């Protein structure tokens, strides 16, 4: 619990510090040019949005871990989460599955090369499940780090990417969501080749007990 509070405090303090510092600059410099003010306001908005995402992720994780999530199980066109297509799977929470896809895509985008990045999304029907793969052509993740990527607040350092960014909760939240739906999620990554995150959902999904 102490580590959880310490990590959350650190992650929340970063955008708050930026907002406070920029607000002070604007306040202390009434002659600041319009262009500079606009630039600073944009930074404040960006950091505020980042803070909001962090708070939502922390709250999401706490609720998921406590088993208090309110699920909205309906018939979902899963491919609409990725792109409109044809596979329909029953008894799923669409908003939560969209959240999983956003987390996986954001993770792939973060590690793709800026000029030659590529993300492939594949859907495949198995005898009793649907499998979705999100593959990037980033630098890959070391085998020792692959064992902890789904743990909360674990931010994997990737070669050439500098200090890890983000809350370290996205993949952990995704794991909770997929496992609740009776599926599983895993990683397949090779250094200098890229990373694939895959998950399955039973074609007749029943919430986990």
N, C-alpha and C. Protein backbone atom coordinates (compact mmCIF):
# COMPACT_ATOMS: atom_id res chain seq x y z
N UNK A 1 0.84 -1.21 0.00
CA UNK A 1 0.00 0.00 0.00
C UNK A 1 0.87 1.26 0.00
N UNK A 2 1.94 1.24 0.82
CA UNK A 2 2.83 2.40 0.89
C UNK A 2 3.47 2.67 -0.46
N UNK A 3 3.89 1.58 -1.15
CA UNK A 3 4.50 1.74 -2.47
C UNK A 3 3.49 2.29 -3.46
N UNK A 4 2.25 1.82 -3.38
CA UNK A 4 1.18 2.29 -4.25
C UNK A 4 0.99 3.79 -4.08
N UNK A 5 0.89 4.25 -2.82
CA UNK A 5 0.67 5.67 -2.55
C UNK A 5 1.86 6.49 -3.02
N UNK A 6 3.07 5.98 -2.77
CA UNK A 6 4.28 6.69 -3.17
C UNK A 6 4.35 6.87 -4.69
N UNK A 7 4.03 5.80 -5.42
CA UNK A 7 4.10 5.86 -6.88
C UNK A 7 3.03 6.78 -7.44
N UNK A 8 1.82 6.68 -6.92
CA UNK A 8 0.72 7.54 -7.38
C UNK A 8 1.05 9.01 -7.12
N UNK A 9 1.57 9.29 -5.93
CA UNK A 9 1.93 10.66 -5.58
C UNK A 9 2.95 11.23 -6.55
N UNK A 10 3.96 10.42 -6.86
CA UNK A 10 5.00 10.87 -7.80
C UNK A 10 4.41 11.15 -9.18
N UNK A 11 3.57 10.24 -9.67
CA UNK A 11 3.01 10.40 -11.01
C UNK A 11 2.07 11.60 -11.10
N UNK A 12 1.33 11.87 -10.03
CA UNK A 12 0.41 13.01 -10.03
C UNK A 12 1.15 14.33 -9.86
N UNK A 13 2.26 14.29 -9.14
CA UNK A 13 2.99 15.52 -8.87
C UNK A 13 3.60 16.12 -10.14
N UNK A 14 4.01 15.28 -11.07
CA UNK A 14 4.70 15.76 -12.27
C UNK A 14 3.86 16.75 -13.08
N UNK A 15 2.63 16.39 -13.50
CA UNK A 15 1.83 17.37 -14.25
C UNK A 15 1.40 18.55 -13.39
N UNK A 16 1.17 18.34 -12.10
CA UNK A 16 0.79 19.44 -11.22
C UNK A 16 1.92 20.47 -11.12
N UNK A 17 3.14 19.98 -11.02
CA UNK A 17 4.30 20.88 -10.95
C UNK A 17 4.42 21.72 -12.21
N UNK A 18 4.20 21.07 -13.37
CA UNK A 18 4.29 21.79 -14.64
C UNK A 18 3.21 22.87 -14.73
N UNK A 19 2.00 22.53 -14.37
CA UNK A 19 0.89 23.49 -14.42
C UNK A 19 1.17 24.67 -13.49
N UNK A 20 1.63 24.38 -12.28
CA UNK A 20 1.90 25.43 -11.30
C UNK A 20 3.00 26.37 -11.79
N UNK A 21 4.07 25.78 -12.34
CA UNK A 21 5.20 26.59 -12.79
C UNK A 21 4.81 27.52 -13.94
N UNK A 22 4.05 26.99 -14.89
CA UNK A 22 3.66 27.79 -16.05
C UNK A 22 2.64 28.86 -15.64
N UNK A 23 1.75 28.52 -14.73
CA UNK A 23 0.78 29.51 -14.24
C UNK A 23 1.50 30.68 -13.55
N UNK A 24 2.55 30.35 -12.81
CA UNK A 24 3.33 31.41 -12.16
C UNK A 24 4.02 32.31 -13.18
N UNK A 25 4.54 31.72 -14.25
CA UNK A 25 5.20 32.51 -15.30
C UNK A 25 4.21 33.50 -15.92
N UNK A 26 3.01 33.01 -16.22
CA UNK A 26 1.98 33.87 -16.82
C UNK A 26 1.58 34.98 -15.84
N UNK A 27 1.43 34.62 -14.57
CA UNK A 27 1.02 35.60 -13.55
C UNK A 27 2.07 36.67 -13.33
N UNK A 28 3.34 36.25 -13.33
CA UNK A 28 4.43 37.17 -13.01
C UNK A 28 4.92 37.99 -14.21
N UNK A 29 4.39 37.70 -15.39
CA UNK A 29 4.83 38.42 -16.58
C UNK A 29 3.63 38.95 -17.36
N UNK A 30 3.03 40.05 -16.88
CA UNK A 30 1.84 40.61 -17.53
C UNK A 30 2.10 41.08 -18.96
N UNK A 31 3.35 41.37 -19.28
CA UNK A 31 3.67 41.84 -20.64
C UNK A 31 3.99 40.70 -21.59
N UNK A 32 3.78 39.49 -21.15
CA UNK A 32 4.07 38.31 -22.00
C UNK A 32 3.26 38.39 -23.29
N UNK A 33 3.92 38.10 -24.39
CA UNK A 33 3.25 38.20 -25.69
C UNK A 33 2.12 37.20 -25.84
N UNK A 34 1.19 37.53 -26.74
CA UNK A 34 0.01 36.69 -26.95
C UNK A 34 0.39 35.28 -27.40
N UNK A 35 1.35 35.17 -28.31
CA UNK A 35 1.76 33.86 -28.82
C UNK A 35 2.31 32.99 -27.70
N UNK A 36 3.11 33.62 -26.83
CA UNK A 36 3.70 32.86 -25.72
C UNK A 36 2.63 32.43 -24.73
N UNK A 37 1.66 33.31 -24.49
CA UNK A 37 0.57 32.96 -23.59
C UNK A 37 -0.23 31.78 -24.13
N UNK A 38 -0.50 31.81 -25.42
CA UNK A 38 -1.25 30.71 -26.05
C UNK A 38 -0.46 29.40 -25.92
N UNK A 39 0.86 29.49 -26.14
CA UNK A 39 1.70 28.30 -26.03
C UNK A 39 1.65 27.73 -24.61
N UNK A 40 1.74 28.62 -23.61
CA UNK A 40 1.72 28.18 -22.22
C UNK A 40 0.35 27.60 -21.83
N UNK A 41 -0.71 28.23 -22.32
CA UNK A 41 -2.06 27.72 -22.02
C UNK A 41 -2.24 26.32 -22.61
N UNK A 42 -1.70 26.11 -23.80
CA UNK A 42 -1.79 24.78 -24.41
C UNK A 42 -1.07 23.73 -23.56
N UNK A 43 0.07 24.12 -23.00
CA UNK A 43 0.81 23.19 -22.14
C UNK A 43 0.00 22.89 -20.88
N UNK A 44 -0.62 23.93 -20.31
CA UNK A 44 -1.45 23.72 -19.12
C UNK A 44 -2.60 22.76 -19.43
N UNK A 45 -3.23 22.95 -20.58
CA UNK A 45 -4.34 22.07 -20.98
C UNK A 45 -3.84 20.64 -21.14
N UNK A 46 -2.70 20.50 -21.82
CA UNK A 46 -2.13 19.16 -22.05
C UNK A 46 -1.80 18.45 -20.74
N UNK A 47 -1.17 19.18 -19.81
CA UNK A 47 -0.79 18.58 -18.53
C UNK A 47 -2.03 18.30 -17.67
N UNK A 48 -3.05 19.14 -17.78
CA UNK A 48 -4.29 18.91 -17.05
C UNK A 48 -4.98 17.65 -17.55
N UNK A 49 -4.98 17.47 -18.87
CA UNK A 49 -5.56 16.25 -19.45
C UNK A 49 -4.78 15.02 -19.01
N UNK A 50 -3.45 15.16 -18.98
CA UNK A 50 -2.62 14.06 -18.51
C UNK A 50 -2.94 13.71 -17.07
N UNK A 51 -3.11 14.73 -16.24
CA UNK A 51 -3.46 14.51 -14.83
C UNK A 51 -4.80 13.82 -14.71
N UNK A 52 -5.76 14.23 -15.53
CA UNK A 52 -7.08 13.62 -15.50
C UNK A 52 -7.02 12.14 -15.88
N UNK A 53 -6.20 11.83 -16.91
CA UNK A 53 -6.05 10.43 -17.32
C UNK A 53 -5.43 9.59 -16.21
N UNK A 54 -4.42 10.15 -15.54
CA UNK A 54 -3.77 9.44 -14.45
C UNK A 54 -4.75 9.14 -13.32
N UNK A 55 -5.53 10.15 -12.96
CA UNK A 55 -6.51 9.97 -11.88
C UNK A 55 -7.53 8.90 -12.27
N UNK A 56 -8.02 8.95 -13.51
CA UNK A 56 -9.00 7.97 -13.96
C UNK A 56 -8.42 6.56 -13.96
N UNK A 57 -7.14 6.45 -14.36
CA UNK A 57 -6.52 5.13 -14.38
C UNK A 57 -6.34 4.58 -12.98
N UNK A 58 -5.93 5.43 -12.05
CA UNK A 58 -5.78 4.98 -10.66
C UNK A 58 -7.13 4.54 -10.09
N UNK A 59 -8.16 5.34 -10.32
CA UNK A 59 -9.50 4.99 -9.83
C UNK A 59 -9.99 3.70 -10.48
N UNK A 60 -9.76 3.57 -11.80
CA UNK A 60 -10.15 2.35 -12.51
C UNK A 60 -9.48 1.13 -11.89
N UNK A 61 -8.18 1.25 -11.65
CA UNK A 61 -7.45 0.11 -11.13
C UNK A 61 -7.95 -0.28 -9.74
N UNK A 62 -8.18 0.70 -8.89
CA UNK A 62 -8.65 0.43 -7.54
C UNK A 62 -10.00 -0.28 -7.55
N UNK A 63 -10.89 0.19 -8.43
CA UNK A 63 -12.22 -0.41 -8.53
C UNK A 63 -12.14 -1.83 -9.08
N UNK A 64 -11.32 -2.01 -10.12
CA UNK A 64 -11.16 -3.35 -10.71
C UNK A 64 -10.57 -4.32 -9.71
N UNK A 65 -9.54 -3.88 -9.00
CA UNK A 65 -8.86 -4.76 -8.05
C UNK A 65 -9.77 -5.12 -6.88
N UNK A 66 -10.65 -4.21 -6.52
CA UNK A 66 -11.57 -4.46 -5.40
C UNK A 66 -12.79 -5.25 -5.83
N UNK A 67 -12.92 -5.52 -7.13
CA UNK A 67 -14.06 -6.27 -7.63
C UNK A 67 -15.36 -5.50 -7.57
N UNK A 68 -15.28 -4.16 -7.62
CA UNK A 68 -16.48 -3.33 -7.48
C UNK A 68 -16.92 -2.69 -8.79
N UNK A 69 -16.35 -3.15 -9.90
CA UNK A 69 -16.67 -2.55 -11.20
C UNK A 69 -18.12 -2.85 -11.58
N UNK A 70 -18.78 -1.84 -12.13
CA UNK A 70 -20.12 -2.03 -12.68
C UNK A 70 -19.98 -2.35 -14.15
N UNK A 71 -20.26 -3.57 -14.52
CA UNK A 71 -20.11 -4.01 -15.91
C UNK A 71 -21.44 -3.88 -16.64
N UNK A 72 -21.35 -3.59 -17.92
CA UNK A 72 -22.54 -3.44 -18.75
C UNK A 72 -22.44 -4.48 -19.87
N UNK A 73 -22.89 -5.68 -19.57
CA UNK A 73 -22.71 -6.80 -20.48
C UNK A 73 -23.82 -6.81 -21.54
N UNK A 74 -23.44 -6.61 -22.78
CA UNK A 74 -24.38 -6.58 -23.88
C UNK A 74 -23.76 -7.29 -25.08
N UNK A 75 -24.54 -7.39 -26.15
CA UNK A 75 -23.99 -7.91 -27.40
C UNK A 75 -23.12 -6.82 -28.01
N UNK A 76 -21.89 -7.18 -28.39
CA UNK A 76 -20.93 -6.19 -28.87
C UNK A 76 -20.38 -6.61 -30.23
N UNK A 77 -20.35 -5.67 -31.16
CA UNK A 77 -19.64 -5.89 -32.42
C UNK A 77 -18.17 -5.58 -32.15
N UNK A 78 -17.40 -6.63 -31.88
CA UNK A 78 -16.02 -6.43 -31.46
C UNK A 78 -15.19 -5.71 -32.50
N UNK A 79 -15.44 -5.98 -33.75
CA UNK A 79 -14.60 -5.37 -34.78
C UNK A 79 -14.84 -3.87 -34.90
N UNK A 80 -15.96 -3.39 -34.35
CA UNK A 80 -16.18 -1.95 -34.32
C UNK A 80 -15.20 -1.28 -33.37
N UNK A 81 -14.69 -2.07 -32.41
CA UNK A 81 -13.67 -1.55 -31.52
C UNK A 81 -12.41 -1.24 -32.33
N UNK A 82 -12.12 -2.05 -33.30
CA UNK A 82 -10.96 -1.84 -34.15
C UNK A 82 -11.37 -1.15 -35.44
N UNK A 83 -12.33 -1.73 -36.13
CA UNK A 83 -12.86 -1.18 -37.37
C UNK A 83 -14.12 -1.98 -37.69
N UNK A 84 -15.11 -1.33 -38.30
CA UNK A 84 -16.37 -2.03 -38.55
C UNK A 84 -16.15 -3.27 -39.39
N UNK A 85 -16.63 -4.39 -38.88
CA UNK A 85 -16.49 -5.65 -39.61
C UNK A 85 -17.62 -6.58 -39.21
N UNK A 86 -17.37 -7.88 -39.07
CA UNK A 86 -18.48 -8.80 -39.05
C UNK A 86 -18.65 -9.66 -37.82
N UNK A 87 -17.63 -9.81 -36.99
CA UNK A 87 -17.72 -10.78 -35.90
C UNK A 87 -18.49 -10.22 -34.71
N UNK A 88 -19.48 -10.95 -34.26
CA UNK A 88 -20.25 -10.53 -33.10
C UNK A 88 -20.05 -11.54 -31.97
N UNK A 89 -19.69 -11.02 -30.80
CA UNK A 89 -19.51 -11.86 -29.64
C UNK A 89 -20.46 -11.35 -28.56
N UNK A 90 -21.08 -12.27 -27.84
CA UNK A 90 -22.12 -11.89 -26.90
C UNK A 90 -21.61 -11.63 -25.50
N UNK A 91 -22.39 -10.84 -24.73
CA UNK A 91 -22.21 -10.68 -23.29
C UNK A 91 -20.86 -10.08 -22.92
N UNK A 92 -20.56 -8.94 -23.51
CA UNK A 92 -19.31 -8.25 -23.24
C UNK A 92 -19.59 -6.79 -22.89
N UNK A 93 -18.64 -6.15 -22.22
CA UNK A 93 -18.74 -4.74 -21.90
C UNK A 93 -17.97 -3.96 -22.97
N UNK A 94 -18.69 -3.31 -23.87
CA UNK A 94 -18.06 -2.66 -25.01
C UNK A 94 -17.10 -1.55 -24.58
N UNK A 95 -17.52 -0.71 -23.63
CA UNK A 95 -16.68 0.41 -23.21
C UNK A 95 -15.35 -0.08 -22.65
N UNK A 96 -15.39 -1.17 -21.89
CA UNK A 96 -14.16 -1.71 -21.31
C UNK A 96 -13.26 -2.31 -22.39
N UNK A 97 -13.86 -2.93 -23.40
CA UNK A 97 -13.04 -3.51 -24.47
C UNK A 97 -12.42 -2.40 -25.33
N UNK A 98 -13.15 -1.32 -25.52
CA UNK A 98 -12.57 -0.15 -26.21
C UNK A 98 -11.38 0.35 -25.40
N UNK A 99 -11.52 0.36 -24.08
CA UNK A 99 -10.43 0.81 -23.20
C UNK A 99 -9.20 -0.08 -23.39
N UNK A 100 -9.40 -1.39 -23.50
CA UNK A 100 -8.28 -2.32 -23.72
C UNK A 100 -7.59 -1.99 -25.04
N UNK A 101 -8.37 -1.81 -26.11
CA UNK A 101 -7.78 -1.52 -27.41
C UNK A 101 -7.02 -0.19 -27.40
N UNK A 102 -7.58 0.81 -26.74
CA UNK A 102 -6.89 2.11 -26.65
C UNK A 102 -5.56 1.94 -25.92
N UNK A 103 -5.57 1.17 -24.83
CA UNK A 103 -4.33 0.95 -24.07
C UNK A 103 -3.28 0.25 -24.93
N UNK A 104 -3.69 -0.78 -25.66
CA UNK A 104 -2.73 -1.54 -26.47
C UNK A 104 -2.22 -0.71 -27.65
N UNK A 105 -3.11 0.04 -28.29
CA UNK A 105 -2.69 0.87 -29.41
C UNK A 105 -1.79 2.02 -28.95
N UNK A 106 -2.12 2.63 -27.82
CA UNK A 106 -1.28 3.70 -27.29
C UNK A 106 0.11 3.18 -26.95
N UNK A 107 0.15 1.97 -26.41
CA UNK A 107 1.43 1.35 -26.08
C UNK A 107 2.25 1.10 -27.34
N UNK A 108 1.59 0.59 -28.39
CA UNK A 108 2.29 0.32 -29.65
C UNK A 108 2.80 1.61 -30.30
N UNK A 109 1.96 2.63 -30.30
CA UNK A 109 2.35 3.92 -30.89
C UNK A 109 3.56 4.50 -30.16
N UNK A 110 3.57 4.36 -28.84
CA UNK A 110 4.65 4.93 -28.02
C UNK A 110 6.02 4.36 -28.40
N UNK A 111 6.04 3.07 -28.78
CA UNK A 111 7.32 2.42 -29.03
C UNK A 111 7.66 2.26 -30.50
N UNK A 112 6.77 2.67 -31.39
CA UNK A 112 7.07 2.57 -32.83
C UNK A 112 8.09 3.63 -33.25
N UNK A 113 8.92 3.32 -34.24
CA UNK A 113 9.84 4.33 -34.78
C UNK A 113 9.03 5.51 -35.32
N UNK A 114 9.46 6.75 -35.06
CA UNK A 114 8.67 7.92 -35.47
C UNK A 114 8.48 8.05 -36.98
N UNK A 115 9.46 7.61 -37.77
CA UNK A 115 9.38 7.79 -39.22
C UNK A 115 8.94 6.54 -39.98
N UNK A 116 9.09 5.39 -39.35
CA UNK A 116 8.78 4.15 -40.07
C UNK A 116 7.93 3.20 -39.23
N UNK A 117 7.17 3.79 -38.30
CA UNK A 117 6.35 2.97 -37.41
C UNK A 117 5.23 2.26 -38.14
N UNK A 118 4.94 1.06 -37.70
CA UNK A 118 3.85 0.29 -38.30
C UNK A 118 3.14 -0.51 -37.21
N UNK A 119 1.82 -0.48 -37.24
CA UNK A 119 1.02 -1.26 -36.30
C UNK A 119 0.06 -2.12 -37.10
N UNK A 120 0.07 -3.41 -36.83
CA UNK A 120 -0.84 -4.35 -37.49
C UNK A 120 -1.81 -4.90 -36.47
N UNK A 121 -3.08 -4.93 -36.83
CA UNK A 121 -4.12 -5.49 -35.96
C UNK A 121 -4.75 -6.67 -36.69
N UNK A 122 -4.78 -7.82 -36.03
CA UNK A 122 -5.33 -9.03 -36.65
C UNK A 122 -6.41 -9.62 -35.76
N UNK A 123 -7.47 -10.09 -36.39
CA UNK A 123 -8.55 -10.78 -35.69
C UNK A 123 -8.67 -12.18 -36.28
N UNK A 124 -8.77 -13.18 -35.42
CA UNK A 124 -8.87 -14.56 -35.89
C UNK A 124 -9.85 -15.33 -35.02
N UNK A 125 -10.74 -16.06 -35.66
CA UNK A 125 -11.68 -16.90 -34.92
C UNK A 125 -11.05 -18.25 -34.63
N UNK A 126 -11.04 -18.64 -33.37
CA UNK A 126 -10.64 -19.97 -32.95
C UNK A 126 -11.89 -20.79 -32.70
N UNK A 127 -11.77 -22.08 -32.43
CA UNK A 127 -12.98 -22.90 -32.23
C UNK A 127 -13.95 -22.35 -31.20
N UNK A 128 -13.44 -21.77 -30.11
CA UNK A 128 -14.35 -21.28 -29.07
C UNK A 128 -14.00 -19.87 -28.60
N UNK A 129 -13.21 -19.15 -29.39
CA UNK A 129 -12.80 -17.82 -28.94
C UNK A 129 -12.40 -16.95 -30.13
N UNK A 130 -12.38 -15.65 -29.87
CA UNK A 130 -11.86 -14.69 -30.83
C UNK A 130 -10.51 -14.21 -30.31
N UNK A 131 -9.51 -14.18 -31.17
CA UNK A 131 -8.19 -13.68 -30.78
C UNK A 131 -7.89 -12.39 -31.53
N UNK A 132 -7.40 -11.39 -30.81
CA UNK A 132 -7.00 -10.11 -31.39
C UNK A 132 -5.52 -9.88 -31.08
N UNK A 133 -4.75 -9.54 -32.11
CA UNK A 133 -3.32 -9.26 -31.97
C UNK A 133 -3.05 -7.81 -32.34
N UNK A 134 -2.26 -7.13 -31.55
CA UNK A 134 -1.80 -5.77 -31.85
C UNK A 134 -0.28 -5.83 -31.93
N UNK A 135 0.25 -5.67 -33.13
CA UNK A 135 1.69 -5.85 -33.35
C UNK A 135 2.35 -4.54 -33.80
N UNK A 136 3.50 -4.23 -33.21
CA UNK A 136 4.25 -3.05 -33.64
C UNK A 136 5.64 -3.46 -34.10
N UNK A 137 6.32 -2.55 -34.76
CA UNK A 137 7.68 -2.83 -35.24
C UNK A 137 8.71 -2.03 -34.45
N UNK A 138 8.43 -1.87 -33.16
CA UNK A 138 9.35 -1.14 -32.29
C UNK A 138 10.58 -1.96 -31.93
N UNK A 139 11.36 -1.49 -30.95
CA UNK A 139 12.62 -2.14 -30.61
C UNK A 139 12.47 -3.45 -29.84
N UNK A 140 11.26 -3.77 -29.42
CA UNK A 140 11.06 -5.00 -28.67
C UNK A 140 11.33 -4.84 -27.19
N UNK A 141 10.91 -5.82 -26.42
CA UNK A 141 11.03 -5.78 -24.96
C UNK A 141 11.84 -6.98 -24.50
N UNK A 142 12.79 -6.74 -23.63
CA UNK A 142 13.65 -7.80 -23.12
C UNK A 142 12.82 -8.88 -22.42
N UNK A 143 13.26 -10.13 -22.53
CA UNK A 143 12.51 -11.25 -21.98
C UNK A 143 12.27 -11.10 -20.48
N UNK A 144 13.22 -10.52 -19.75
CA UNK A 144 13.05 -10.36 -18.30
C UNK A 144 11.96 -9.35 -17.98
N UNK A 145 11.78 -8.36 -18.84
CA UNK A 145 10.75 -7.35 -18.62
C UNK A 145 9.37 -7.85 -19.04
N UNK A 146 9.32 -8.80 -19.96
CA UNK A 146 8.04 -9.32 -20.42
C UNK A 146 7.26 -9.97 -19.28
N UNK A 147 7.97 -10.47 -18.28
CA UNK A 147 7.32 -11.14 -17.16
C UNK A 147 6.57 -10.18 -16.23
N UNK A 148 6.86 -8.89 -16.34
CA UNK A 148 6.28 -7.94 -15.38
C UNK A 148 5.44 -6.84 -16.05
N UNK A 149 5.29 -6.88 -17.37
CA UNK A 149 4.62 -5.76 -18.05
C UNK A 149 3.17 -5.59 -17.61
N UNK A 150 2.52 -6.65 -17.11
CA UNK A 150 1.13 -6.55 -16.71
C UNK A 150 0.97 -6.21 -15.22
N UNK A 151 2.09 -6.04 -14.52
CA UNK A 151 2.02 -5.66 -13.12
C UNK A 151 1.77 -4.15 -13.02
N UNK A 152 1.04 -3.75 -11.99
CA UNK A 152 0.71 -2.33 -11.85
C UNK A 152 1.96 -1.50 -11.61
N UNK A 153 1.99 -0.33 -12.23
CA UNK A 153 3.05 0.65 -12.13
C UNK A 153 4.39 0.18 -12.69
N UNK A 154 4.39 -0.92 -13.47
CA UNK A 154 5.63 -1.37 -14.09
C UNK A 154 5.79 -0.65 -15.42
N UNK A 155 6.83 0.15 -15.53
CA UNK A 155 7.12 0.89 -16.76
C UNK A 155 8.42 0.36 -17.33
N UNK A 156 8.30 -0.34 -18.45
CA UNK A 156 9.45 -1.02 -19.04
C UNK A 156 10.31 -0.03 -19.81
N UNK A 157 11.61 -0.05 -19.54
CA UNK A 157 12.54 0.79 -20.28
C UNK A 157 12.89 0.09 -21.59
N UNK A 158 12.72 0.79 -22.70
CA UNK A 158 13.02 0.24 -24.01
C UNK A 158 14.19 0.99 -24.62
N UNK A 159 15.10 0.26 -25.22
CA UNK A 159 16.31 0.85 -25.78
C UNK A 159 15.96 1.98 -26.76
N UNK A 160 16.59 3.13 -26.55
CA UNK A 160 16.40 4.26 -27.45
C UNK A 160 15.17 5.09 -27.16
N UNK A 161 14.40 4.73 -26.09
CA UNK A 161 13.16 5.44 -25.80
C UNK A 161 13.28 6.39 -24.61
N UNK A 162 14.43 6.39 -23.96
CA UNK A 162 14.59 7.26 -22.80
C UNK A 162 13.80 6.77 -21.62
N UNK A 163 13.49 7.68 -20.69
CA UNK A 163 12.77 7.33 -19.47
C UNK A 163 11.34 6.93 -19.79
N UNK A 164 10.86 5.80 -19.21
CA UNK A 164 9.49 5.38 -19.47
C UNK A 164 8.49 6.46 -19.06
N UNK A 165 7.41 6.59 -19.83
CA UNK A 165 6.39 7.57 -19.51
C UNK A 165 5.06 6.87 -19.28
N UNK A 166 4.10 7.60 -18.72
CA UNK A 166 2.80 7.02 -18.46
C UNK A 166 2.67 6.59 -17.02
N UNK A 167 1.48 6.09 -16.66
CA UNK A 167 1.19 5.72 -15.28
C UNK A 167 1.63 4.32 -14.94
N UNK A 168 1.84 3.47 -15.94
CA UNK A 168 2.17 2.07 -15.67
C UNK A 168 0.96 1.26 -15.25
N UNK A 169 -0.23 1.76 -15.55
CA UNK A 169 -1.46 1.05 -15.16
C UNK A 169 -2.24 0.49 -16.35
N UNK A 170 -1.98 1.01 -17.55
CA UNK A 170 -2.79 0.63 -18.71
C UNK A 170 -2.85 -0.85 -18.98
N UNK A 171 -1.69 -1.52 -18.99
CA UNK A 171 -1.66 -2.95 -19.29
C UNK A 171 -2.24 -3.77 -18.14
N UNK A 172 -2.03 -3.32 -16.92
CA UNK A 172 -2.59 -4.01 -15.76
C UNK A 172 -4.12 -3.95 -15.78
N UNK A 173 -4.64 -2.77 -16.11
CA UNK A 173 -6.09 -2.61 -16.23
C UNK A 173 -6.63 -3.51 -17.35
N UNK A 174 -5.92 -3.54 -18.47
CA UNK A 174 -6.34 -4.37 -19.60
C UNK A 174 -6.41 -5.84 -19.20
N UNK A 175 -5.44 -6.28 -18.44
CA UNK A 175 -5.42 -7.68 -17.98
C UNK A 175 -6.63 -7.99 -17.12
N UNK A 176 -6.96 -7.09 -16.20
CA UNK A 176 -8.14 -7.27 -15.35
C UNK A 176 -9.40 -7.40 -16.21
N UNK A 177 -9.54 -6.51 -17.20
CA UNK A 177 -10.74 -6.50 -18.04
C UNK A 177 -10.88 -7.79 -18.84
N UNK A 178 -9.79 -8.20 -19.49
CA UNK A 178 -9.83 -9.40 -20.32
C UNK A 178 -10.11 -10.64 -19.47
N UNK A 179 -9.46 -10.75 -18.33
CA UNK A 179 -9.66 -11.92 -17.49
C UNK A 179 -11.07 -11.95 -16.90
N UNK A 180 -11.65 -10.79 -16.65
CA UNK A 180 -13.03 -10.75 -16.17
C UNK A 180 -13.98 -11.35 -17.19
N UNK A 181 -13.66 -11.12 -18.48
CA UNK A 181 -14.49 -11.65 -19.56
C UNK A 181 -14.21 -13.11 -19.86
N UNK A 182 -13.33 -13.73 -19.08
CA UNK A 182 -13.02 -15.14 -19.30
C UNK A 182 -11.95 -15.37 -20.34
N UNK A 183 -11.24 -14.31 -20.73
CA UNK A 183 -10.19 -14.45 -21.73
C UNK A 183 -8.81 -14.40 -21.09
N UNK A 184 -7.80 -14.32 -21.92
CA UNK A 184 -6.44 -14.18 -21.43
C UNK A 184 -5.68 -13.22 -22.33
N UNK A 185 -4.62 -12.62 -21.80
CA UNK A 185 -3.83 -11.64 -22.55
C UNK A 185 -2.35 -11.96 -22.32
N UNK A 186 -1.56 -11.82 -23.37
CA UNK A 186 -0.14 -12.15 -23.25
C UNK A 186 0.68 -11.32 -24.22
N UNK A 187 2.01 -11.42 -24.08
CA UNK A 187 2.93 -10.65 -24.90
C UNK A 187 3.91 -11.59 -25.59
N UNK A 188 4.25 -11.25 -26.82
CA UNK A 188 5.29 -11.95 -27.57
C UNK A 188 6.18 -10.87 -28.17
N UNK A 189 7.41 -10.78 -27.69
CA UNK A 189 8.29 -9.69 -28.13
C UNK A 189 9.69 -10.20 -28.40
N UNK A 190 10.30 -9.65 -29.44
CA UNK A 190 11.67 -9.99 -29.79
C UNK A 190 12.45 -8.71 -30.00
N UNK A 191 13.63 -8.64 -29.38
CA UNK A 191 14.46 -7.45 -29.49
C UNK A 191 14.78 -7.15 -30.95
N UNK A 192 14.65 -5.87 -31.31
CA UNK A 192 14.93 -5.37 -32.66
C UNK A 192 13.94 -5.86 -33.72
N UNK A 193 12.87 -6.51 -33.29
CA UNK A 193 11.86 -6.99 -34.24
C UNK A 193 10.46 -6.45 -33.97
N UNK A 194 10.17 -6.19 -32.71
CA UNK A 194 8.85 -5.66 -32.39
C UNK A 194 8.14 -6.47 -31.32
N UNK A 195 6.93 -6.01 -31.01
CA UNK A 195 6.15 -6.61 -29.92
C UNK A 195 4.72 -6.86 -30.38
N UNK A 196 4.17 -7.99 -29.95
CA UNK A 196 2.77 -8.29 -30.20
C UNK A 196 2.06 -8.55 -28.88
N UNK A 197 1.00 -7.79 -28.63
CA UNK A 197 0.12 -8.07 -27.51
C UNK A 197 -1.11 -8.77 -28.07
N UNK A 198 -1.46 -9.90 -27.48
CA UNK A 198 -2.61 -10.67 -27.95
C UNK A 198 -3.56 -10.93 -26.79
N UNK A 199 -4.85 -11.00 -27.12
CA UNK A 199 -5.81 -11.43 -26.11
C UNK A 199 -6.93 -12.22 -26.78
N UNK A 200 -7.55 -13.07 -26.00
CA UNK A 200 -8.67 -13.87 -26.49
C UNK A 200 -9.91 -13.56 -25.67
N UNK A 201 -11.06 -13.75 -26.31
CA UNK A 201 -12.35 -13.63 -25.65
C UNK A 201 -13.20 -14.82 -26.08
N UNK A 202 -13.78 -15.54 -25.14
CA UNK A 202 -14.64 -16.67 -25.51
C UNK A 202 -15.78 -16.19 -26.40
N UNK A 203 -16.12 -16.97 -27.42
CA UNK A 203 -17.18 -16.56 -28.33
C UNK A 203 -18.54 -16.58 -27.65
N UNK A 204 -18.68 -17.36 -26.59
CA UNK A 204 -19.85 -17.28 -25.72
C UNK A 204 -19.33 -16.89 -24.35
N UNK A 205 -19.07 -15.59 -24.16
CA UNK A 205 -18.35 -15.13 -22.97
C UNK A 205 -19.26 -15.05 -21.76
N UNK A 206 -18.77 -15.59 -20.66
CA UNK A 206 -19.44 -15.45 -19.38
C UNK A 206 -18.49 -14.79 -18.41
N UNK A 207 -18.94 -13.78 -17.64
CA UNK A 207 -18.04 -13.10 -16.71
C UNK A 207 -17.41 -14.08 -15.75
N UNK A 208 -16.14 -13.82 -15.42
CA UNK A 208 -15.44 -14.69 -14.49
C UNK A 208 -16.07 -14.58 -13.12
N UNK A 209 -16.04 -15.67 -12.37
CA UNK A 209 -16.64 -15.67 -11.04
C UNK A 209 -15.76 -14.88 -10.07
